[in-house]
Amino acid sequence: MSFYPIYLTRLDERKVVLIGGNDEAERKTIELLSFDAKVHVISASLTERLRQLHHEGKFEWTSRDYLYGDLEGAAFAVAADYTPDIAHEATREASARNLLINVMDNIPLSNAAFGSVIRQGKLTVSFSTNGLAPALAVRLKERFGEELDEAYGEFLEIASRLREPVMHLIRDPELRKQKWYEWVDSDSLELLRKGDRTEALKTAESVWGSEVIALARL
């Protein structure tokens, strides 16, 4: 079995059903909420932390075990805490509805899988071992997480401000591409890492020009 990496978007617009209320379900719920997912938990019980998050209105909760039909209207489903019967029934319903489902620790029943994720602002990097050695994915995350520091998030925050002015003022797509690489390969990231945002912005201005920087309001 081969895994094809893909990122899901707009999970705040359609519900993500999460089956289970144990510690693993808690971890996955918190992770999904960090991506602004519209989570609906189905479980007869919840951890104390999940109960607190539900009390704060962070997600919807159906306080019983999963039943066929609970995936109606979902964009994605995760089974984190389940009996064999629930896992097979949820997989059957997901297949009938053409939904992505991850049955955690059960690749044969899943048509989607999670990687080990690093996030720095808008930067998201995930590691997958095709389910063969999840511990290796965790160790890779730990190793590269030291390098992918907060400077990358700040760099992408600046990039988000630049995109519209760049599209507006630099109409030639090849020139835009050239300048993006020129900026990415500049010392801006290292300057941000050193905490010198002023010099980093000067470098950006040398690449993009003062008009772009002014429109970006950096």
Foldseek 3Di string as FASTA:
>chain_A
DDDDDDDDPPLLPFEEEEEDADPQSVVVLVVCVVRNHAYEYEELDHDPVVVVCVVVVSYHYDNHGDDQPPCPRHQEYEYRDDDPVSLQSVLVSCVVVVHFYHDPPDVVSGPDDFFCWDDQAPDIDGDDPVSPCNVVRVVVCVVCNVVPDNLVNVVVVLVVLLVVLCVVPPVDPVLSVVLVVVLVPDCLSVCVVVVNNVVSVVSNCVRRNPVSCVSSVD
